[in-house]
PDB file of N, CA and C in Angstrom:
ATOM      1  N   MET A   1     168.978 103.929 105.171  1.00  0.00           N
ATOM      2  CA  MET A   1     167.990 104.657 104.443  1.00  0.00           C
ATOM      3  C   MET A   1     168.203 106.164 104.664  1.00  0.00           C
ATOM      4  N   PRO A   2     168.076 106.925 103.553  1.00  0.00           N
ATOM      5  CA  PRO A   2     168.310 108.372 103.701  1.00  0.00           C
ATOM      6  C   PRO A   2     167.213 109.020 104.567  1.00  0.00           C
ATOM      7  N   SER A   3     167.561 110.117 105.191  1.00  0.00           N
ATOM      8  CA  SER A   3     166.639 110.786 106.121  1.00  0.00           C
ATOM      9  C   SER A   3     165.494 111.492 105.391  1.00  0.00           C
ATOM     10  N   TRP A   4     165.708 111.841 104.122  1.00  0.00           N
ATOM     11  CA  TRP A   4     164.626 112.533 103.406  1.00  0.00           C
ATOM     12  C   TRP A   4     163.443 111.599 103.152  1.00  0.00           C
ATOM     13  N   ILE A   5     163.681 110.278 103.073  1.00  0.00           N
ATOM     14  CA  ILE A   5     162.588 109.314 102.885  1.00  0.00           C
ATOM     15  C   ILE A   5     161.696 109.315 104.125  1.00  0.00           C
ATOM     16  N   TRP A   6     162.325 109.395 105.285  1.00  0.00           N
ATOM     17  CA  TRP A   6     161.535 109.457 106.519  1.00  0.00           C
ATOM     18  C   TRP A   6     160.714 110.745 106.558  1.00  0.00           C
ATOM     19  N   ALA A   7     161.282 111.825 106.075  1.00  0.00           N
ATOM     20  CA  ALA A   7     160.564 113.105 106.056  1.00  0.00           C
ATOM     21  C   ALA A   7     159.379 113.037 105.095  1.00  0.00           C
ATOM     22  N   VAL A   8     159.570 112.418 103.925  1.00  0.00           N
ATOM     23  CA  VAL A   8     158.484 112.276 102.956  1.00  0.00           C
ATOM     24  C   VAL A   8     157.391 111.369 103.519  1.00  0.00           C
ATOM     25  N   ALA A   9     157.786 110.267 104.154  1.00  0.00           N
ATOM     26  CA  ALA A   9     156.816 109.347 104.740  1.00  0.00           C
ATOM     27  C   ALA A   9     156.018 110.042 105.839  1.00  0.00           C
ATOM     28  N   LEU A  10     156.712 110.808 106.674  1.00  0.00           N
ATOM     29  CA  LEU A  10     156.034 111.539 107.742  1.00  0.00           C
ATOM     30  C   LEU A  10     155.071 112.589 107.151  1.00  0.00           C
ATOM     31  N   ALA A  11     155.504 113.273 106.093  1.00  0.00           N
ATOM     32  CA  ALA A  11     154.653 114.270 105.436  1.00  0.00           C
ATOM     33  C   ALA A  11     153.418 113.605 104.828  1.00  0.00           C
ATOM     34  N   LEU A  12     153.567 112.438 104.223  1.00  0.00           N
ATOM     35  CA  LEU A  12     152.422 111.718 103.656  1.00  0.00           C
ATOM     36  C   LEU A  12     151.441 111.285 104.741  1.00  0.00           C
ATOM     37  N   ILE A  13     151.958 110.819 105.840  1.00  0.00           N
ATOM     38  CA  ILE A  13     151.091 110.388 106.942  1.00  0.00           C
ATOM     39  C   ILE A  13     150.319 111.589 107.504  1.00  0.00           C
ATOM     40  N   ILE A  14     151.032 112.685 107.752  1.00  0.00           N
ATOM     41  CA  ILE A  14     150.384 113.893 108.284  1.00  0.00           C
ATOM     42  C   ILE A  14     149.362 114.433 107.269  1.00  0.00           C
ATOM     43  N   GLY A  15     149.721 114.426 105.999  1.00  0.00           N
ATOM     44  CA  GLY A  15     148.813 114.903 104.955  1.00  0.00           C
ATOM     45  C   GLY A  15     147.561 114.053 104.857  1.00  0.00           C
ATOM     46  N   SER A  16     147.710 112.746 104.922  1.00  0.00           N
ATOM     47  CA  SER A  16     146.537 111.875 104.818  1.00  0.00           C
ATOM     48  C   SER A  16     145.640 112.008 106.044  1.00  0.00           C
ATOM     49  N   VAL A  17     146.231 112.143 107.224  1.00  0.00           N
ATOM     50  CA  VAL A  17     145.425 112.315 108.441  1.00  0.00           C
ATOM     51  C   VAL A  17     144.671 113.635 108.389  1.00  0.00           C
ATOM     52  N   SER A  18     145.350 114.709 107.984  1.00  0.00           N
ATOM     53  CA  SER A  18     144.678 116.014 107.934  1.00  0.00           C
ATOM     54  C   SER A  18     143.618 116.041 106.834  1.00  0.00           C
ATOM     55  N   THR A  19     143.872 115.372 105.692  1.00  0.00           N
ATOM     56  CA  THR A  19     142.875 115.300 104.626  1.00  0.00           C
ATOM     57  C   THR A  19     141.651 114.532 105.099  1.00  0.00           C
ATOM     58  N   ARG A  20     141.868 113.451 105.807  1.00  0.00           N
ATOM     59  CA  ARG A  20     140.745 112.662 106.336  1.00  0.00           C
ATOM     60  C   ARG A  20     139.930 113.485 107.332  1.00  0.00           C
ATOM     61  N   ALA A  21     140.604 114.236 108.212  1.00  0.00           N
ATOM     62  CA  ALA A  21     139.900 115.075 109.189  1.00  0.00           C
ATOM     63  C   ALA A  21     139.093 116.162 108.470  1.00  0.00           C
ATOM     64  N   TRP A  22     139.691 116.775 107.425  1.00  0.00           N
ATOM     65  CA  TRP A  22     138.984 117.783 106.651  1.00  0.00           C
ATOM     66  C   TRP A  22     137.747 117.177 105.986  1.00  0.00           C
ATOM     67  N   TRP A  23     137.868 115.990 105.426  1.00  0.00           N
ATOM     68  CA  TRP A  23     136.763 115.329 104.728  1.00  0.00           C
ATOM     69  C   TRP A  23     135.607 115.007 105.684  1.00  0.00           C
ATOM     70  N   VAL A  24     135.938 114.520 106.868  1.00  0.00           N
ATOM     71  CA  VAL A  24     134.914 114.186 107.862  1.00  0.00           C
ATOM     72  C   VAL A  24     134.176 115.451 108.299  1.00  0.00           C
ATOM     73  N   GLU A  25     134.889 116.536 108.575  1.00  0.00           N
ATOM     74  CA  GLU A  25     134.262 117.789 108.978  1.00  0.00           C
ATOM     75  C   GLU A  25     133.398 118.366 107.859  1.00  0.00           C
ATOM     76  N   ARG A  26     133.863 118.260 106.612  1.00  0.00           N
ATOM     77  CA  ARG A  26     133.103 118.749 105.463  1.00  0.00           C
ATOM     78  C   ARG A  26     131.787 117.986 105.343  1.00  0.00           C
ATOM     79  N   LYS A  27     131.855 116.670 105.522  1.00  0.00           N
ATOM     80  CA  LYS A  27     130.668 115.839 105.428  1.00  0.00           C
ATOM     81  C   LYS A  27     129.669 116.199 106.536  1.00  0.00           C
ATOM     82  N   LYS A  28     130.157 116.414 107.747  1.00  0.00           N
ATOM     83  CA  LYS A  28     129.282 116.813 108.853  1.00  0.00           C
ATOM     84  C   LYS A  28     128.610 118.155 108.561  1.00  0.00           C
ATOM     85  N   ARG A  29     129.369 119.104 108.001  1.00  0.00           N
ATOM     86  CA  ARG A  29     128.830 120.420 107.683  1.00  0.00           C
ATOM     87  C   ARG A  29     127.744 120.330 106.610  1.00  0.00           C
ATOM     88  N   LEU A  30     127.978 119.510 105.581  1.00  0.00           N
ATOM     89  CA  LEU A  30     126.985 119.360 104.521  1.00  0.00           C
ATOM     90  C   LEU A  30     125.693 118.725 105.032  1.00  0.00           C
ATOM     91  N   VAL A  31     125.836 117.737 105.890  1.00  0.00           N
ATOM     92  CA  VAL A  31     124.649 117.094 106.470  1.00  0.00           C
ATOM     93  C   VAL A  31     123.884 118.093 107.330  1.00  0.00           C
ATOM     94  N   ALA A  32     124.600 118.897 108.106  1.00  0.00           N
ATOM     95  CA  ALA A  32     123.957 119.881 108.975  1.00  0.00           C
ATOM     96  C   ALA A  32     123.249 120.956 108.150  1.00  0.00           C
ATOM     97  N   GLU A  33     123.807 121.338 107.013  1.00  0.00           N
ATOM     98  CA  GLU A  33     123.180 122.352 106.169  1.00  0.00           C
ATOM     99  C   GLU A  33     121.877 121.852 105.561  1.00  0.00           C
ATOM    100  N   ARG A  34     121.812 120.576 105.251  1.00  0.00           N
ATOM    101  CA  ARG A  34     120.603 120.011 104.638  1.00  0.00           C
ATOM    102  C   ARG A  34     119.525 119.673 105.649  1.00  0.00           C
ATOM    103  N   ARG A  35     119.889 119.571 106.910  1.00  0.00           N
ATOM    104  CA  ARG A  35     118.933 119.183 107.946  1.00  0.00           C
ATOM    105  C   ARG A  35     117.929 120.303 108.165  1.00  0.00           C
ATOM    106  N   VAL A  36     116.662 119.950 108.203  1.00  0.00           N
ATOM    107  CA  VAL A  36     115.599 120.910 108.475  1.00  0.00           C
ATOM    108  C   VAL A  36     115.007 120.548 109.822  1.00  0.00           C
ATOM    109  N   VAL A  37     115.161 121.444 110.764  1.00  0.00           N
ATOM    110  CA  VAL A  37     114.642 121.218 112.104  1.00  0.00           C
ATOM    111  C   VAL A  37     113.543 122.238 112.351  1.00  0.00           C
ATOM    112  N   GLU A  38     112.384 121.748 112.719  1.00  0.00           N
ATOM    113  CA  GLU A  38     111.265 122.639 112.995  1.00  0.00           C
ATOM    114  C   GLU A  38     111.476 123.290 114.345  1.00  0.00           C
ATOM    115  N   ARG A  39     111.388 124.607 114.343  1.00  0.00           N
ATOM    116  CA  ARG A  39     111.542 125.328 115.596  1.00  0.00           C
ATOM    117  C   ARG A  39     110.258 125.238 116.409  1.00  0.00           C
ATOM    118  N   PRO A  40     110.370 125.262 117.738  1.00  0.00           N
ATOM    119  CA  PRO A  40     109.163 125.238 118.556  1.00  0.00           C
ATOM    120  C   PRO A  40     108.310 126.463 118.266  1.00  0.00           C
ATOM    121  N   ASN A  41     107.007 126.292 118.324  1.00  0.00           N
ATOM    122  CA  ASN A  41     106.048 127.361 118.073  1.00  0.00           C
ATOM    123  C   ASN A  41     106.180 127.941 116.676  1.00  0.00           C
ATOM    124  N   SER A  42     106.588 127.119 115.736  1.00  0.00           N
ATOM    125  CA  SER A  42     106.688 127.611 114.368  1.00  0.00           C
ATOM    126  C   SER A  42     105.306 127.620 113.737  1.00  0.00           C
ATOM    127  N   PHE A  43     105.229 128.099 112.513  1.00  0.00           N
ATOM    128  CA  PHE A  43     103.938 128.186 111.851  1.00  0.00           C
ATOM    129  C   PHE A  43     103.512 126.854 111.258  1.00  0.00           C
ATOM    130  N   TYR A  44     104.340 125.833 111.361  1.00  0.00           N
ATOM    131  CA  TYR A  44     103.958 124.526 110.852  1.00  0.00           C
ATOM    132  C   TYR A  44     103.036 123.833 111.853  1.00  0.00           C
ATOM    133  N   ALA A  45     101.955 123.288 111.363  1.00  0.00           N
ATOM    134  CA  ALA A  45     101.051 122.521 112.218  1.00  0.00           C
ATOM    135  C   ALA A  45     100.408 121.449 111.345  1.00  0.00           C
ATOM    136  N   SER A  46      99.987 120.402 111.984  1.00  0.00           N
ATOM    137  CA  SER A  46      99.384 119.309 111.237  1.00  0.00           C
ATOM    138  C   SER A  46      97.998 119.701 110.738  1.00  0.00           C
ATOM    139  N   LYS A  47      97.498 118.925 109.800  1.00  0.00           N
ATOM    140  CA  LYS A  47      96.167 119.174 109.245  1.00  0.00           C
ATOM    141  C   LYS A  47      95.105 119.042 110.336  1.00  0.00           C
ATOM    142  N   ALA A  48      95.304 118.113 111.247  1.00  0.00           N
ATOM    143  CA  ALA A  48      94.345 117.921 112.336  1.00  0.00           C
ATOM    144  C   ALA A  48      94.275 119.153 113.231  1.00  0.00           C
ATOM    145  N   VAL A  49      95.413 119.773 113.493  1.00  0.00           N
ATOM    146  CA  VAL A  49      95.430 120.975 114.332  1.00  0.00           C
ATOM    147  C   VAL A  49      94.699 122.113 113.623  1.00  0.00           C
ATOM    148  N   HIS A  50      94.967 122.282 112.312  1.00  0.00           N
ATOM    149  CA  HIS A  50      94.269 123.319 111.554  1.00  0.00           C
ATOM    150  C   HIS A  50      92.764 123.060 111.531  1.00  0.00           C
ATOM    151  N   SER A  51      92.355 121.824 111.371  1.00  0.00           N
ATOM    152  CA  SER A  51      90.939 121.491 111.359  1.00  0.00           C
ATOM    153  C   SER A  51      90.291 121.805 112.704  1.00  0.00           C
ATOM    154  N   GLN A  52      90.985 121.481 113.780  1.00  0.00           N
ATOM    155  CA  GLN A  52      90.456 121.758 115.113  1.00  0.00           C
ATOM    156  C   GLN A  52      90.318 123.266 115.339  1.00  0.00           C
ATOM    157  N   GLU A  53      91.338 124.037 114.913  1.00  0.00           N
ATOM    158  CA  GLU A  53      91.267 125.488 115.067  1.00  0.00           C
ATOM    159  C   GLU A  53      90.115 126.068 114.247  1.00  0.00           C
ATOM    160  N   ASP A  54      89.939 125.553 113.018  1.00  0.00           N
ATOM    161  CA  ASP A  54      88.837 126.029 112.173  1.00  0.00           C
ATOM    162  C   ASP A  54      87.496 125.739 112.820  1.00  0.00           C
ATOM    163  N   GLU A  55      87.348 124.514 113.325  1.00  0.00           N
ATOM    164  CA  GLU A  55      86.070 124.157 113.944  1.00  0.00           C
ATOM    165  C   GLU A  55      85.781 125.048 115.144  1.00  0.00           C
ATOM    166  N   GLU A  56      86.762 125.308 115.981  1.00  0.00           N
ATOM    167  CA  GLU A  56      86.547 126.177 117.138  1.00  0.00           C
ATOM    168  C   GLU A  56      86.153 127.580 116.695  1.00  0.00           C
ATOM    169  N   TRP A  57      86.780 128.062 115.615  1.00  0.00           N
ATOM    170  CA  TRP A  57      86.464 129.393 115.106  1.00  0.00           C
ATOM    171  C   TRP A  57      85.037 129.436 114.558  1.00  0.00           C
ATOM    172  N   TRP A  58      84.658 128.392 113.835  1.00  0.00           N
ATOM    173  CA  TRP A  58      83.318 128.354 113.243  1.00  0.00           C
ATOM    174  C   TRP A  58      82.245 128.233 114.304  1.00  0.00           C
ATOM    175  N   ARG A  59      82.524 127.571 115.396  1.00  0.00           N
ATOM    176  CA  ARG A  59      81.518 127.406 116.453  1.00  0.00           C
ATOM    177  C   ARG A  59      81.265 128.711 117.205  1.00  0.00           C
ATOM    178  N   ARG A  60      82.158 129.679 117.057  1.00  0.00           N
ATOM    179  CA  ARG A  60      81.962 130.973 117.704  1.00  0.00           C
ATOM    180  C   ARG A  60      81.114 131.927 116.862  1.00  0.00           C
ATOM    181  N   ILE A  61      80.648 131.483 115.691  1.00  0.00           N
ATOM    182  CA  ILE A  61      79.804 132.327 114.852  1.00  0.00           C
ATOM    183  C   ILE A  61      78.489 132.585 115.586  1.00  0.00           C
ATOM    184  N   GLU A  62      78.111 133.845 115.678  1.00  0.00           N
ATOM    185  CA  GLU A  62      76.836 134.206 116.303  1.00  0.00           C
ATOM    186  C   GLU A  62      75.750 134.037 115.254  1.00  0.00           C
ATOM    187  N   LEU A  63      75.015 132.948 115.354  1.00  0.00           N
ATOM    188  CA  LEU A  63      74.030 132.587 114.334  1.00  0.00           C
ATOM    189  C   LEU A  63      72.904 133.606 114.216  1.00  0.00           C
ATOM    190  N   GLU A  64      72.543 134.240 115.318  1.00  0.00           N
ATOM    191  CA  GLU A  64      71.427 135.193 115.266  1.00  0.00           C
ATOM    192  C   GLU A  64      71.767 136.449 114.466  1.00  0.00           C
ATOM    193  N   ARG A  65      73.036 136.683 114.208  1.00  0.00           N
ATOM    194  CA  ARG A  65      73.440 137.847 113.418  1.00  0.00           C
ATOM    195  C   ARG A  65      73.426 137.559 111.917  1.00  0.00           C
ATOM    196  N   LEU A  66      73.264 136.305 111.527  1.00  0.00           N
ATOM    197  CA  LEU A  66      73.299 135.928 110.116  1.00  0.00           C
ATOM    198  C   LEU A  66      71.912 135.982 109.495  1.00  0.00           C
ATOM    199  N   HIS A  67      71.876 136.118 108.188  1.00  0.00           N
ATOM    200  CA  HIS A  67      70.617 136.017 107.441  1.00  0.00           C
ATOM    201  C   HIS A  67      70.091 134.599 107.616  1.00  0.00           C
ATOM    202  N   GLU A  68      68.787 134.441 107.582  1.00  0.00           N
ATOM    203  CA  GLU A  68      68.205 133.123 107.893  1.00  0.00           C
ATOM    204  C   GLU A  68      68.682 132.023 106.941  1.00  0.00           C
ATOM    205  N   LEU A  69      68.883 132.338 105.652  1.00  0.00           N
ATOM    206  CA  LEU A  69      69.379 131.308 104.725  1.00  0.00           C
ATOM    207  C   LEU A  69      70.810 130.895 105.070  1.00  0.00           C
ATOM    208  N   ASN A  70      71.634 131.903 105.353  1.00  0.00           N
ATOM    209  CA  ASN A  70      73.012 131.588 105.750  1.00  0.00           C
ATOM    210  C   ASN A  70      73.037 130.842 107.082  1.00  0.00           C
ATOM    211  N   ARG A  71      72.167 131.246 108.003  1.00  0.00           N
ATOM    212  CA  ARG A  71      72.113 130.599 109.309  1.00  0.00           C
ATOM    213  C   ARG A  71      71.760 129.121 109.166  1.00  0.00           C
ATOM    214  N   GLU A  72      70.760 128.815 108.328  1.00  0.00           N
ATOM    215  CA  GLU A  72      70.363 127.415 108.119  1.00  0.00           C
ATOM    216  C   GLU A  72      71.516 126.602 107.533  1.00  0.00           C
ATOM    217  N   TYR A  73      72.233 127.204 106.579  1.00  0.00           N
ATOM    218  CA  TYR A  73      73.341 126.481 105.945  1.00  0.00           C
ATOM    219  C   TYR A  73      74.481 126.264 106.940  1.00  0.00           C
ATOM    220  N   VAL A  74      74.782 127.286 107.743  1.00  0.00           N
ATOM    221  CA  VAL A  74      75.832 127.140 108.766  1.00  0.00           C
ATOM    222  C   VAL A  74      75.431 126.069 109.764  1.00  0.00           C
ATOM    223  N   GLU A  75      74.178 126.074 110.211  1.00  0.00           N
ATOM    224  CA  GLU A  75      73.729 125.050 111.160  1.00  0.00           C
ATOM    225  C   GLU A  75      73.836 123.652 110.558  1.00  0.00           C
ATOM    226  N   ARG A  76      73.479 123.518 109.270  1.00  0.00           N
ATOM    227  CA  ARG A  76      73.582 122.209 108.610  1.00  0.00           C
ATOM    228  C   ARG A  76      75.040 121.750 108.549  1.00  0.00           C
ATOM    229  N   LEU A  77      75.940 122.687 108.233  1.00  0.00           N
ATOM    230  CA  LEU A  77      77.358 122.317 108.163  1.00  0.00           C
ATOM    231  C   LEU A  77      77.906 121.967 109.547  1.00  0.00           C
ATOM    232  N   LEU A  78      77.469 122.679 110.575  1.00  0.00           N
ATOM    233  CA  LEU A  78      77.915 122.347 111.935  1.00  0.00           C
ATOM    234  C   LEU A  78      77.407 120.967 112.360  1.00  0.00           C
ATOM    235  N   ARG A  79      76.179 120.628 111.951  1.00  0.00           N
ATOM    236  CA  ARG A  79      75.668 119.274 112.252  1.00  0.00           C
ATOM    237  C   ARG A  79      76.487 118.228 111.500  1.00  0.00           C
ATOM    238  N   GLN A  80      76.866 118.543 110.261  1.00  0.00           N
ATOM    239  CA  GLN A  80      77.701 117.618 109.478  1.00  0.00           C
ATOM    240  C   GLN A  80      79.055 117.424 110.149  1.00  0.00           C
ATOM    241  N   ILE A  81      79.623 118.501 110.687  1.00  0.00           N
ATOM    242  CA  ILE A  81      80.905 118.404 111.400  1.00  0.00           C
ATOM    243  C   ILE A  81      80.739 117.538 112.640  1.00  0.00           C
ATOM    244  N   ASP A  82      79.631 117.725 113.368  1.00  0.00           N
ATOM    245  CA  ASP A  82      79.376 116.903 114.558  1.00  0.00           C
ATOM    246  C   ASP A  82      79.290 115.425 114.200  1.00  0.00           C
ATOM    247  N   ALA A  83      78.618 115.137 113.083  1.00  0.00           N
ATOM    248  CA  ALA A  83      78.388 113.739 112.706  1.00  0.00           C
ATOM    249  C   ALA A  83      79.619 113.084 112.094  1.00  0.00           C
ATOM    250  N   SER A  84      80.307 113.803 111.198  1.00  0.00           N
ATOM    251  CA  SER A  84      81.364 113.152 110.419  1.00  0.00           C
ATOM    252  C   SER A  84      82.739 113.789 110.535  1.00  0.00           C
ATOM    253  N   GLY A  85      82.842 114.972 111.104  1.00  0.00           N
ATOM    254  CA  GLY A  85      84.134 115.623 111.252  1.00  0.00           C
ATOM    255  C   GLY A  85      84.359 116.702 110.205  1.00  0.00           C
ATOM    256  N   VAL A  86      85.363 117.535 110.468  1.00  0.00           N
ATOM    257  CA  VAL A  86      85.675 118.673 109.604  1.00  0.00           C
ATOM    258  C   VAL A  86      86.159 118.211 108.233  1.00  0.00           C
ATOM    259  N   GLY A  87      86.795 117.062 108.173  1.00  0.00           N
ATOM    260  CA  GLY A  87      87.351 116.569 106.919  1.00  0.00           C
ATOM    261  C   GLY A  87      86.317 116.249 105.858  1.00  0.00           C
ATOM    262  N   THR A  88      85.047 116.175 106.227  1.00  0.00           N
ATOM    263  CA  THR A  88      84.011 115.840 105.248  1.00  0.00           C
ATOM    264  C   THR A  88      83.505 117.066 104.490  1.00  0.00           C
ATOM    265  N   LEU A  89      83.919 118.261 104.913  1.00  0.00           N
ATOM    266  CA  LEU A  89      83.475 119.471 104.221  1.00  0.00           C
ATOM    267  C   LEU A  89      84.232 119.628 102.908  1.00  0.00           C
ATOM    268  N   SER A  90      83.516 120.081 101.893  1.00  0.00           N
ATOM    269  CA  SER A  90      84.169 120.350 100.607  1.00  0.00           C
ATOM    270  C   SER A  90      84.902 121.693 100.684  1.00  0.00           C
ATOM    271  N   LYS A  91      85.684 121.998  99.650  1.00  0.00           N
ATOM    272  CA  LYS A  91      86.395 123.276  99.615  1.00  0.00           C
ATOM    273  C   LYS A  91      85.414 124.444  99.667  1.00  0.00           C
ATOM    274  N   ASP A  92      84.323 124.324  98.914  1.00  0.00           N
ATOM    275  CA  ASP A  92      83.328 125.399  98.888  1.00  0.00           C
ATOM    276  C   ASP A  92      82.665 125.583 100.252  1.00  0.00           C
ATOM    277  N   GLU A  93      82.387 124.492 100.930  1.00  0.00           N
ATOM    278  CA  GLU A  93      81.758 124.584 102.248  1.00  0.00           C
ATOM    279  C   GLU A  93      82.719 125.202 103.264  1.00  0.00           C
ATOM    280  N   ARG A  94      83.984 124.819 103.174  1.00  0.00           N
ATOM    281  CA  ARG A  94      84.977 125.428 104.074  1.00  0.00           C
ATOM    282  C   ARG A  94      85.098 126.924 103.795  1.00  0.00           C
ATOM    283  N   ALA A  95      85.123 127.283 102.512  1.00  0.00           N
ATOM    284  CA  ALA A  95      85.232 128.699 102.148  1.00  0.00           C
ATOM    285  C   ALA A  95      84.014 129.476 102.659  1.00  0.00           C
ATOM    286  N   PHE A  96      82.834 128.879 102.555  1.00  0.00           N
ATOM    287  CA  PHE A  96      81.621 129.519 103.066  1.00  0.00           C
ATOM    288  C   PHE A  96      81.735 129.752 104.570  1.00  0.00           C
ATOM    289  N   MET A  97      82.168 128.734 105.298  1.00  0.00           N
ATOM    290  CA  MET A  97      82.304 128.867 106.754  1.00  0.00           C
ATOM    291  C   MET A  97      83.338 129.931 107.108  1.00  0.00           C
ATOM    292  N   GLU A  98      84.413 129.996 106.339  1.00  0.00           N
ATOM    293  CA  GLU A  98      85.427 131.031 106.571  1.00  0.00           C
ATOM    294  C   GLU A  98      84.811 132.420 106.389  1.00  0.00           C
ATOM    295  N   ARG A  99      84.035 132.598 105.320  1.00  0.00           N
ATOM    296  CA  ARG A  99      83.405 133.899 105.078  1.00  0.00           C
ATOM    297  C   ARG A  99      82.441 134.260 106.198  1.00  0.00           C
ATOM    298  N   MET A 100      81.667 133.301 106.648  1.00  0.00           N
ATOM    299  CA  MET A 100      80.712 133.586 107.721  1.00  0.00           C
ATOM    300  C   MET A 100      81.433 133.931 109.022  1.00  0.00           C
ATOM    301  N   ALA A 101      82.546 133.269 109.288  1.00  0.00           N
ATOM    302  CA  ALA A 101      83.299 133.558 110.510  1.00  0.00           C
ATOM    303  C   ALA A 101      83.955 134.933 110.424  1.00  0.00           C
ATOM    304  N   LYS A 102      84.405 135.325 109.242  1.00  0.00           N
ATOM    305  CA  LYS A 102      85.025 136.646 109.092  1.00  0.00           C
ATOM    306  C   LYS A 102      83.980 137.749 109.223  1.00  0.00           C
ATOM    307  N   ILE A 103      82.782 137.508 108.694  1.00  0.00           N
ATOM    308  CA  ILE A 103      81.706 138.494 108.825  1.00  0.00           C
ATOM    309  C   ILE A 103      81.379 138.689 110.292  1.00  0.00           C
ATOM    310  N   ASP A 104      81.362 137.601 111.021  1.00  0.00           N
ATOM    311  CA  ASP A 104      80.934 137.621 112.409  1.00  0.00           C
ATOM    312  C   ASP A 104      82.051 138.025 113.366  1.00  0.00           C
ATOM    313  N   ALA A 105      83.282 138.087 112.880  1.00  0.00           N
ATOM    314  CA  ALA A 105      84.417 138.362 113.769  1.00  0.00           C
ATOM    315  C   ALA A 105      84.288 139.761 114.368  1.00  0.00           C
ATOM    316  N   PRO A 106      84.492 139.892 115.668  1.00  0.00           N
ATOM    317  CA  PRO A 106      84.395 141.211 116.288  1.00  0.00           C
ATOM    318  C   PRO A 106      85.568 142.081 115.830  1.00  0.00           C
ATOM    319  N   PRO A 107      85.330 143.374 115.663  1.00  0.00           N
ATOM    320  CA  PRO A 107      86.423 144.246 115.240  1.00  0.00           C
ATOM    321  C   PRO A 107      87.473 144.369 116.336  1.00  0.00           C
ATOM    322  N   ARG A 108      88.687 144.587 115.904  1.00  0.00           N
ATOM    323  CA  ARG A 108      89.753 144.776 116.882  1.00  0.00           C
ATOM    324  C   ARG A 108      89.614 146.166 117.491  1.00  0.00           C
ATOM    325  N   PRO A 109      89.871 146.318 118.773  1.00  0.00           N
ATOM    326  CA  PRO A 109      89.695 147.624 119.416  1.00  0.00           C
ATOM    327  C   PRO A 109      90.659 148.659 118.829  1.00  0.00           C
ATOM    328  N   GLY A 110      90.126 149.838 118.532  1.00  0.00           N
ATOM    329  CA  GLY A 110      90.949 150.928 118.030  1.00  0.00           C
ATOM    330  C   GLY A 110      91.260 150.859 116.548  1.00  0.00           C
ATOM    331  N   VAL A 111      90.764 149.848 115.842  1.00  0.00           N
ATOM    332  CA  VAL A 111      91.043 149.710 114.410  1.00  0.00           C
ATOM    333  C   VAL A 111      89.729 149.829 113.655  1.00  0.00           C
ATOM    334  N   ARG A 112      89.688 150.781 112.723  1.00  0.00           N
ATOM    335  CA  ARG A 112      88.483 150.948 111.916  1.00  0.00           C
ATOM    336  C   ARG A 112      88.677 150.215 110.596  1.00  0.00           C
ATOM    337  N   PRO A 113      87.618 149.637 110.045  1.00  0.00           N
ATOM    338  CA  PRO A 113      87.748 148.989 108.750  1.00  0.00           C
ATOM    339  C   PRO A 113      88.094 150.026 107.679  1.00  0.00           C
ATOM    340  N   PRO A 114      88.844 149.632 106.643  1.00  0.00           N
ATOM    341  CA  PRO A 114      89.265 150.600 105.634  1.00  0.00           C
ATOM    342  C   PRO A 114      88.108 151.179 104.840  1.00  0.00           C
ATOM    343  N   SER A 115      86.954 150.528 104.817  1.00  0.00           N
ATOM    344  CA  SER A 115      85.820 151.027 104.049  1.00  0.00           C
ATOM    345  C   SER A 115      84.872 151.870 104.903  1.00  0.00           C
ATOM    346  N   ASP A 116      85.339 152.357 106.045  1.00  0.00           N
ATOM    347  CA  ASP A 116      84.500 153.143 106.937  1.00  0.00           C
ATOM    348  C   ASP A 116      84.156 154.476 106.263  1.00  0.00           C
ATOM    349  N   PRO A 117      82.849 154.748 105.990  1.00  0.00           N
ATOM    350  CA  PRO A 117      82.489 155.985 105.288  1.00  0.00           C
ATOM    351  C   PRO A 117      82.672 157.231 106.130  1.00  0.00           C
ATOM    352  N   TRP A 118      82.710 157.089 107.473  1.00  0.00           N
ATOM    353  CA  TRP A 118      82.852 158.236 108.355  1.00  0.00           C
ATOM    354  C   TRP A 118      84.058 158.048 109.259  1.00  0.00           C
ATOM    355  N   PRO A 119      85.249 158.253 108.730  1.00  0.00           N
ATOM    356  CA  PRO A 119      86.431 158.056 109.582  1.00  0.00           C
ATOM    357  C   PRO A 119      86.470 159.109 110.687  1.00  0.00           C
ATOM    358  N   SER A 120      87.003 158.731 111.798  1.00  0.00           N
ATOM    359  CA  SER A 120      87.091 159.683 112.903  1.00  0.00           C
ATOM    360  C   SER A 120      88.167 160.712 112.595  1.00  0.00           C
ATOM    361  N   PRO A 121      87.998 161.944 113.040  1.00  0.00           N
ATOM    362  CA  PRO A 121      89.010 162.969 112.770  1.00  0.00           C
ATOM    363  C   PRO A 121      90.299 162.637 113.504  1.00  0.00           C
ATOM    364  N   ALA A 122      91.396 162.878 112.838  1.00  0.00           N
ATOM    365  CA  ALA A 122      92.700 162.524 113.418  1.00  0.00           C
ATOM    366  C   ALA A 122      93.226 163.603 114.321  1.00  0.00           C
TER     367      ALA A 122
END
């Protein structure tokens, strides 16, 4: 048998092995690109965690600072949360609680609200 046949056979074997290795690596790279891994302490959290955080925030509302009608409604919603959980609140009720918590939130030190009529001199 001529020697060039052995060279062609060897080239085909080397080519097929290298093509197979390239294909396997390509497949691994594509799978890795599509993989979504949540980083620790990311902004993703379950609905239960968000509900728990909301409830803790709402319970810090200082009721004595609210108007009596708003106070009664907040107290009723807090009793509803105690009885049935945060998931029983409607969108409107959640939005109301959010507004009441934002009204009651203490200002951050050194930051004035943008609507301050008497800004301090710079």
